[in-house]
């Protein structure tokens, strides 16, 4: 009778051990497969929570803040990724400057971006590089339209600025992009020249010998 009980108890213990080993094996397999799924979920979560870059524009002339004057009508932002490759282009109206509205820019996969801003551009007086995904930052150029080497029209009231934005945290801070006026004008008055040169007409014309005809990034 005792031998039967001992045999039964041993058999029960062996079965229990086999079940435990089998359960442990299944748990290990389950954990390994679950770990793989969990990693992808984490990666997806990271990409979804990647904060956009944020920037506020301010206009300057002679190192003075003239943003509230409303001189800047429309601004174009050219965005380049961390490798300097062209990514996208953003057009903003004057309310973004007057109301200091932050501009949020998403560029997946880039820890930093370069933003080049041009304001006051006109297709009537300036040539602007047509940008595509094949271009890099050095390809961006703005130049005056010319006719036989002479400017075909006066440039508009141009403003230019550039900034590199870095995104190292979950929530990117708002940075300021200053755009500076690039065009100025002068007035010339001549007095007493008629007598000196013995001129009867009295009409004199002035030509600027050299001026910057184009701007790169």
C-alpha atoms as a PDB file:
ATOM      1  CA  UNK A   1       0.000   0.000   0.000  1.00  0.00           C
ATOM      2  CA  UNK A   2       2.864   2.340   0.927  1.00  0.00           C
ATOM      3  CA  UNK A   3       4.765   1.440  -2.237  1.00  0.00           C
ATOM      4  CA  UNK A   4       1.714   2.387  -4.267  1.00  0.00           C
ATOM      5  CA  UNK A   5       1.446   5.753  -2.562  1.00  0.00           C
ATOM      6  CA  UNK A   6       5.179   6.438  -2.973  1.00  0.00           C
ATOM      7  CA  UNK A   7       4.942   5.587  -6.687  1.00  0.00           C
ATOM      8  CA  UNK A   8       1.903   7.805  -7.069  1.00  0.00           C
ATOM      9  CA  UNK A   9       3.617  10.697  -5.282  1.00  0.00           C
ATOM     10  CA  UNK A  10       6.771  10.338  -7.397  1.00  0.00           C
ATOM     11  CA  UNK A  11       4.711  10.255 -10.568  1.00  0.00           C
ATOM     12  CA  UNK A  12       2.855  13.387  -9.474  1.00  0.00           C
ATOM     13  CA  UNK A  13       6.128  15.207  -8.722  1.00  0.00           C
ATOM     14  CA  UNK A  14       7.617  14.223 -12.105  1.00  0.00           C
ATOM     15  CA  UNK A  15       4.494  15.389 -13.945  1.00  0.00           C
ATOM     16  CA  UNK A  16       4.536  18.649 -11.999  1.00  0.00           C
ATOM     17  CA  UNK A  17       8.204  19.271 -12.879  1.00  0.00           C
ATOM     18  CA  UNK A  18       7.570  18.553 -16.568  1.00  0.00           C
ATOM     19  CA  UNK A  19       4.628  20.940 -16.567  1.00  0.00           C
ATOM     20  CA  UNK A  20       6.715  23.611 -14.857  1.00  0.00           C
ATOM     21  CA  UNK A  21       9.562  23.201 -17.377  1.00  0.00           C
ATOM     22  CA  UNK A  22       7.099  23.351 -20.265  1.00  0.00           C
ATOM     23  CA  UNK A  23       5.466  26.478 -18.818  1.00  0.00           C
ATOM     24  CA  UNK A  24       8.856  28.129 -18.336  1.00  0.00           C
ATOM     25  CA  UNK A  25       9.794  27.383 -21.954  1.00  0.00           C
ATOM     26  CA  UNK A  26       6.522  28.841 -23.219  1.00  0.00           C
ATOM     27  CA  UNK A  27       6.985  31.889 -21.034  1.00  0.00           C
ATOM     28  CA  UNK A  28      10.492  32.442 -22.400  1.00  0.00           C
ATOM     29  CA  UNK A  29       9.259  32.151 -25.993  1.00  0.00           C
ATOM     30  CA  UNK A  30       6.381  34.460 -25.217  1.00  0.00           C
ATOM     31  CA  UNK A  31       8.643  37.012 -23.552  1.00  0.00           C
ATOM     32  CA  UNK A  32      11.081  37.073 -26.490  1.00  0.00           C
ATOM     33  CA  UNK A  33       8.341  37.597 -29.048  1.00  0.00           C
ATOM     34  CA  UNK A  34       6.657  40.218 -26.881  1.00  0.00           C
ATOM     35  CA  UNK A  35       9.929  42.035 -26.441  1.00  0.00           C
ATOM     36  CA  UNK A  36      10.204  42.445 -30.223  1.00  0.00           C
ATOM     37  CA  UNK A  37       6.716  43.921 -30.473  1.00  0.00           C
ATOM     38  CA  UNK A  38       7.407  46.214 -27.567  1.00  0.00           C
ATOM     39  CA  UNK A  39      10.513  47.647 -29.256  1.00  0.00           C
ATOM     40  CA  UNK A  40       8.597  48.551 -32.395  1.00  0.00           C
ATOM     41  CA  UNK A  41       5.885  50.158 -30.303  1.00  0.00           C
ATOM     42  CA  UNK A  42       8.518  52.238 -28.544  1.00  0.00           C
ATOM     43  CA  UNK A  43      10.046  53.286 -31.871  1.00  0.00           C
ATOM     44  CA  UNK A  44       6.657  54.267 -33.241  1.00  0.00           C
ATOM     45  CA  UNK A  45       5.882  56.191 -30.082  1.00  0.00           C
ATOM     46  CA  UNK A  46       9.181  58.063 -30.361  1.00  0.00           C
ATOM     47  CA  UNK A  47       8.489  59.083 -33.960  1.00  0.00           C
ATOM     48  CA  UNK A  48       4.962  60.176 -33.134  1.00  0.00           C
ATOM     49  CA  UNK A  49       6.071  62.320 -30.191  1.00  0.00           C
ATOM     50  CA  UNK A  50       8.887  64.039 -32.129  1.00  0.00           C
ATOM     51  CA  UNK A  51       8.261  67.720 -31.482  1.00  0.00           C
ATOM     52  CA  UNK A  52       8.181  70.144 -34.433  1.00  0.00           C
ATOM     53  CA  UNK A  53      10.682  72.975 -34.694  1.00  0.00           C
ATOM     54  CA  UNK A  54       9.245  76.348 -33.741  1.00  0.00           C
ATOM     55  CA  UNK A  55      10.328  79.858 -34.727  1.00  0.00           C
ATOM     56  CA  UNK A  56       9.049  83.446 -34.453  1.00  0.00           C
ATOM     57  CA  UNK A  57       9.994  86.093 -37.039  1.00  0.00           C
ATOM     58  CA  UNK A  58      11.117  89.651 -36.314  1.00  0.00           C
ATOM     59  CA  UNK A  59      12.027  92.346 -38.848  1.00  0.00           C
ATOM     60  CA  UNK A  60      15.057  94.610 -38.440  1.00  0.00           C
ATOM     61  CA  UNK A  61      16.451  97.635 -40.254  1.00  0.00           C
ATOM     62  CA  UNK A  62      19.769  99.233 -39.251  1.00  0.00           C
ATOM     63  CA  UNK A  63      19.798  96.925 -36.200  1.00  0.00           C
ATOM     64  CA  UNK A  64      16.443  98.300 -35.007  1.00  0.00           C
ATOM     65  CA  UNK A  65      13.361  96.159 -34.466  1.00  0.00           C
ATOM     66  CA  UNK A  66      10.716  97.406 -36.931  1.00  0.00           C
ATOM     67  CA  UNK A  67       8.405  94.393 -36.750  1.00  0.00           C
ATOM     68  CA  UNK A  68       5.351  96.357 -35.545  1.00  0.00           C
ATOM     69  CA  UNK A  69       5.640  98.848 -38.434  1.00  0.00           C
ATOM     70  CA  UNK A  70       4.258  96.246 -40.825  1.00  0.00           C
ATOM     71  CA  UNK A  71       6.872  96.848 -43.536  1.00  0.00           C
ATOM     72  CA  UNK A  72       7.152  93.116 -44.196  1.00  0.00           C
ATOM     73  CA  UNK A  73       4.185  91.899 -46.210  1.00  0.00           C
ATOM     74  CA  UNK A  74       4.911  88.279 -47.104  1.00  0.00           C
ATOM     75  CA  UNK A  75       7.769  85.997 -46.091  1.00  0.00           C
ATOM     76  CA  UNK A  76       8.949  82.754 -47.657  1.00  0.00           C
ATOM     77  CA  UNK A  77      10.784  80.193 -45.534  1.00  0.00           C
ATOM     78  CA  UNK A  78      13.090  77.701 -47.257  1.00  0.00           C
ATOM     79  CA  UNK A  79      13.659  74.681 -45.002  1.00  0.00           C
ATOM     80  CA  UNK A  80      16.709  72.399 -45.219  1.00  0.00           C
ATOM     81  CA  UNK A  81      17.256  69.201 -43.227  1.00  0.00           C
ATOM     82  CA  UNK A  82      20.246  68.314 -41.049  1.00  0.00           C
ATOM     83  CA  UNK A  83      22.247  67.333 -44.151  1.00  0.00           C
ATOM     84  CA  UNK A  84      21.609  70.651 -45.903  1.00  0.00           C
ATOM     85  CA  UNK A  85      19.180  69.085 -48.383  1.00  0.00           C
ATOM     86  CA  UNK A  86      16.088  71.036 -49.405  1.00  0.00           C
ATOM     87  CA  UNK A  87      12.998  69.798 -47.577  1.00  0.00           C
ATOM     88  CA  UNK A  88      10.105  72.220 -48.006  1.00  0.00           C
ATOM     89  CA  UNK A  89       8.978  75.806 -48.492  1.00  0.00           C
ATOM     90  CA  UNK A  90       6.548  77.779 -46.306  1.00  0.00           C
ATOM     91  CA  UNK A  91       4.762  81.041 -47.198  1.00  0.00           C
ATOM     92  CA  UNK A  92       3.657  83.379 -44.399  1.00  0.00           C
ATOM     93  CA  UNK A  93       1.548  86.529 -44.445  1.00  0.00           C
ATOM     94  CA  UNK A  94       2.306  89.644 -42.384  1.00  0.00           C
ATOM     95  CA  UNK A  95       0.134  88.548 -39.437  1.00  0.00           C
ATOM     96  CA  UNK A  96       2.824  86.066 -38.398  1.00  0.00           C
ATOM     97  CA  UNK A  97       5.188  88.968 -37.700  1.00  0.00           C
ATOM     98  CA  UNK A  98       2.666  91.489 -36.357  1.00  0.00           C
ATOM     99  CA  UNK A  99       1.136  88.977 -33.938  1.00  0.00           C
ATOM    100  CA  UNK A 100       4.401  87.138 -33.176  1.00  0.00           C
ATOM    101  CA  UNK A 101       2.763  83.861 -34.175  1.00  0.00           C
ATOM    102  CA  UNK A 102       5.098  80.852 -33.845  1.00  0.00           C
ATOM    103  CA  UNK A 103       5.727  78.916 -37.049  1.00  0.00           C
ATOM    104  CA  UNK A 104       5.900  75.160 -36.451  1.00  0.00           C
ATOM    105  CA  UNK A 105       7.968  73.129 -38.918  1.00  0.00           C
ATOM    106  CA  UNK A 106       8.122  69.332 -38.978  1.00  0.00           C
ATOM    107  CA  UNK A 107      11.114  67.597 -40.554  1.00  0.00           C
ATOM    108  CA  UNK A 108      11.045  63.880 -39.601  1.00  0.00           C
ATOM    109  CA  UNK A 109      14.424  62.295 -38.950  1.00  0.00           C
ATOM    110  CA  UNK A 110      16.309  65.585 -38.493  1.00  0.00           C
ATOM    111  CA  UNK A 111      17.704  66.698 -35.149  1.00  0.00           C
ATOM    112  CA  UNK A 112      18.318  70.133 -36.614  1.00  0.00           C
ATOM    113  CA  UNK A 113      17.160  72.165 -39.599  1.00  0.00           C
ATOM    114  CA  UNK A 114      18.299  75.345 -41.328  1.00  0.00           C
ATOM    115  CA  UNK A 115      15.654  77.927 -42.181  1.00  0.00           C
ATOM    116  CA  UNK A 116      16.380  80.645 -44.752  1.00  0.00           C
ATOM    117  CA  UNK A 117      13.854  83.490 -44.842  1.00  0.00           C
ATOM    118  CA  UNK A 118      13.237  85.936 -47.678  1.00  0.00           C
ATOM    119  CA  UNK A 119      10.608  88.683 -47.570  1.00  0.00           C
ATOM    120  CA  UNK A 120       9.574  91.216 -50.206  1.00  0.00           C
ATOM    121  CA  UNK A 121      10.398  88.979 -53.164  1.00  0.00           C
ATOM    122  CA  UNK A 122       8.736  89.788 -56.477  1.00  0.00           C
ATOM    123  CA  UNK A 123       8.884  87.788 -59.697  1.00  0.00           C
ATOM    124  CA  UNK A 124       8.822  91.118 -61.581  1.00  0.00           C
ATOM    125  CA  UNK A 125      12.185  92.299 -60.264  1.00  0.00           C
ATOM    126  CA  UNK A 126      13.977  89.255 -58.828  1.00  0.00           C
ATOM    127  CA  UNK A 127      14.912  85.780 -59.984  1.00  0.00           C
ATOM    128  CA  UNK A 128      14.442  83.134 -57.290  1.00  0.00           C
ATOM    129  CA  UNK A 129      15.920  79.655 -57.540  1.00  0.00           C
ATOM    130  CA  UNK A 130      13.309  76.969 -58.176  1.00  0.00           C
ATOM    131  CA  UNK A 131      13.995  74.495 -55.377  1.00  0.00           C
ATOM    132  CA  UNK A 132      13.280  70.756 -55.351  1.00  0.00           C
ATOM    133  CA  UNK A 133      14.321  67.680 -53.355  1.00  0.00           C
ATOM    134  CA  UNK A 134      17.414  67.427 -55.574  1.00  0.00           C
ATOM    135  CA  UNK A 135      18.749  70.798 -54.363  1.00  0.00           C
ATOM    136  CA  UNK A 136      20.984  71.687 -51.444  1.00  0.00           C
ATOM    137  CA  UNK A 137      21.218  74.891 -49.440  1.00  0.00           C
ATOM    138  CA  UNK A 138      23.968  76.421 -51.610  1.00  0.00           C
ATOM    139  CA  UNK A 139      21.640  76.230 -54.634  1.00  0.00           C
ATOM    140  CA  UNK A 140      19.310  78.849 -53.158  1.00  0.00           C
ATOM    141  CA  UNK A 141      19.959  82.229 -54.770  1.00  0.00           C
ATOM    142  CA  UNK A 142      18.063  85.475 -55.268  1.00  0.00           C
ATOM    143  CA  UNK A 143      19.243  87.819 -58.031  1.00  0.00           C
ATOM    144  CA  UNK A 144      18.036  90.978 -59.758  1.00  0.00           C
ATOM    145  CA  UNK A 145      16.556  90.622 -63.213  1.00  0.00           C
ATOM    146  CA  UNK A 146      18.900  92.195 -65.730  1.00  0.00           C
ATOM    147  CA  UNK A 147      18.787  93.572 -69.243  1.00  0.00           C
ATOM    148  CA  UNK A 148      22.182  93.802 -70.974  1.00  0.00           C
ATOM    149  CA  UNK A 149      23.945  93.748 -67.635  1.00  0.00           C
ATOM    150  CA  UNK A 150      21.767  96.473 -66.123  1.00  0.00           C
ATOM    151  CA  UNK A 151      19.069  95.866 -63.543  1.00  0.00           C
ATOM    152  CA  UNK A 152      15.748  95.672 -65.368  1.00  0.00           C
ATOM    153  CA  UNK A 153      13.795  96.966 -62.381  1.00  0.00           C
ATOM    154  CA  UNK A 154      14.356  98.305 -58.916  1.00  0.00           C
ATOM    155  CA  UNK A 155      14.431  95.590 -56.255  1.00  0.00           C
ATOM    156  CA  UNK A 156      11.589  95.291 -53.813  1.00  0.00           C
ATOM    157  CA  UNK A 157      11.923  95.971 -50.094  1.00  0.00           C
ATOM    158  CA  UNK A 158      13.897  92.802 -49.435  1.00  0.00           C
ATOM    159  CA  UNK A 159      14.475  91.220 -46.031  1.00  0.00           C
ATOM    160  CA  UNK A 160      16.720  88.233 -45.356  1.00  0.00           C
ATOM    161  CA  UNK A 161      17.529  85.994 -42.409  1.00  0.00           C
ATOM    162  CA  UNK A 162      18.856  82.536 -41.580  1.00  0.00           C
ATOM    163  CA  UNK A 163      18.824  80.339 -38.489  1.00  0.00           C
ATOM    164  CA  UNK A 164      19.682  76.774 -37.491  1.00  0.00           C
ATOM    165  CA  UNK A 165      17.086  75.197 -35.202  1.00  0.00           C
ATOM    166  CA  UNK A 166      18.000  72.265 -32.976  1.00  0.00           C
ATOM    167  CA  UNK A 167      15.562  69.790 -31.483  1.00  0.00           C
ATOM    168  CA  UNK A 168      17.108  67.877 -28.588  1.00  0.00           C
ATOM    169  CA  UNK A 169      14.103  67.556 -26.278  1.00  0.00           C
ATOM    170  CA  UNK A 170      10.575  66.203 -26.461  1.00  0.00           C
ATOM    171  CA  UNK A 171       9.279  69.761 -26.621  1.00  0.00           C
ATOM    172  CA  UNK A 172      11.301  72.151 -28.769  1.00  0.00           C
ATOM    173  CA  UNK A 173      11.595  75.747 -27.611  1.00  0.00           C
ATOM    174  CA  UNK A 174      10.539  78.727 -29.724  1.00  0.00           C
ATOM    175  CA  UNK A 175      13.488  80.590 -31.248  1.00  0.00           C
ATOM    176  CA  UNK A 176      13.622  83.991 -32.941  1.00  0.00           C
ATOM    177  CA  UNK A 177      14.553  84.410 -36.598  1.00  0.00           C
ATOM    178  CA  UNK A 178      15.690  87.960 -37.362  1.00  0.00           C
ATOM    179  CA  UNK A 179      15.222  89.128 -40.937  1.00  0.00           C
ATOM    180  CA  UNK A 180      17.275  92.180 -41.910  1.00  0.00           C
ATOM    181  CA  UNK A 181      16.446  94.742 -44.593  1.00  0.00           C
ATOM    182  CA  UNK A 182      18.821  94.231 -47.537  1.00  0.00           C
ATOM    183  CA  UNK A 183      17.901  97.212 -49.730  1.00  0.00           C
ATOM    184  CA  UNK A 184      18.565 100.901 -49.109  1.00  0.00           C
ATOM    185  CA  UNK A 185      18.288 104.059 -51.202  1.00  0.00           C
ATOM    186  CA  UNK A 186      20.229 107.309 -51.482  1.00  0.00           C
ATOM    187  CA  UNK A 187      19.432 110.797 -52.769  1.00  0.00           C
ATOM    188  CA  UNK A 188      22.062 112.919 -54.542  1.00  0.00           C
ATOM    189  CA  UNK A 189      21.922 116.698 -54.949  1.00  0.00           C
ATOM    190  CA  UNK A 190      24.409 118.742 -56.996  1.00  0.00           C
ATOM    191  CA  UNK A 191      24.993 122.453 -56.461  1.00  0.00           C
ATOM    192  CA  UNK A 192      27.190 124.874 -58.355  1.00  0.00           C
ATOM    193  CA  UNK A 193      28.321 122.336 -60.959  1.00  0.00           C
ATOM    194  CA  UNK A 194      27.009 124.288 -63.979  1.00  0.00           C
ATOM    195  CA  UNK A 195      29.497 127.147 -63.586  1.00  0.00           C
ATOM    196  CA  UNK A 196      32.412 124.832 -62.927  1.00  0.00           C
ATOM    197  CA  UNK A 197      31.853 122.681 -65.998  1.00  0.00           C
ATOM    198  CA  UNK A 198      30.441 125.469 -68.189  1.00  0.00           C
ATOM    199  CA  UNK A 199      27.404 123.334 -68.899  1.00  0.00           C
ATOM    200  CA  UNK A 200      24.305 124.841 -70.475  1.00  0.00           C
ATOM    201  CA  UNK A 201      21.992 121.892 -69.903  1.00  0.00           C
ATOM    202  CA  UNK A 202      22.330 121.617 -66.174  1.00  0.00           C
ATOM    203  CA  UNK A 203      21.143 117.989 -66.195  1.00  0.00           C
ATOM    204  CA  UNK A 204      23.401 115.453 -64.550  1.00  0.00           C
ATOM    205  CA  UNK A 205      22.919 111.719 -64.293  1.00  0.00           C
ATOM    206  CA  UNK A 206      24.433 109.382 -61.737  1.00  0.00           C
ATOM    207  CA  UNK A 207      25.245 105.738 -62.089  1.00  0.00           C
ATOM    208  CA  UNK A 208      26.341 103.428 -59.308  1.00  0.00           C
ATOM    209  CA  UNK A 209      29.511 101.753 -60.551  1.00  0.00           C
ATOM    210  CA  UNK A 210      29.053  98.509 -58.675  1.00  0.00           C
ATOM    211  CA  UNK A 211      26.289  96.940 -56.649  1.00  0.00           C
ATOM    212  CA  UNK A 212      25.489  93.485 -55.380  1.00  0.00           C
ATOM    213  CA  UNK A 213      23.359  91.812 -58.054  1.00  0.00           C
ATOM    214  CA  UNK A 214      22.553  88.615 -56.181  1.00  0.00           C
ATOM    215  CA  UNK A 215      22.402  86.963 -52.779  1.00  0.00           C
ATOM    216  CA  UNK A 216      23.030  83.349 -51.917  1.00  0.00           C
ATOM    217  CA  UNK A 217      21.778  81.577 -48.816  1.00  0.00           C
END
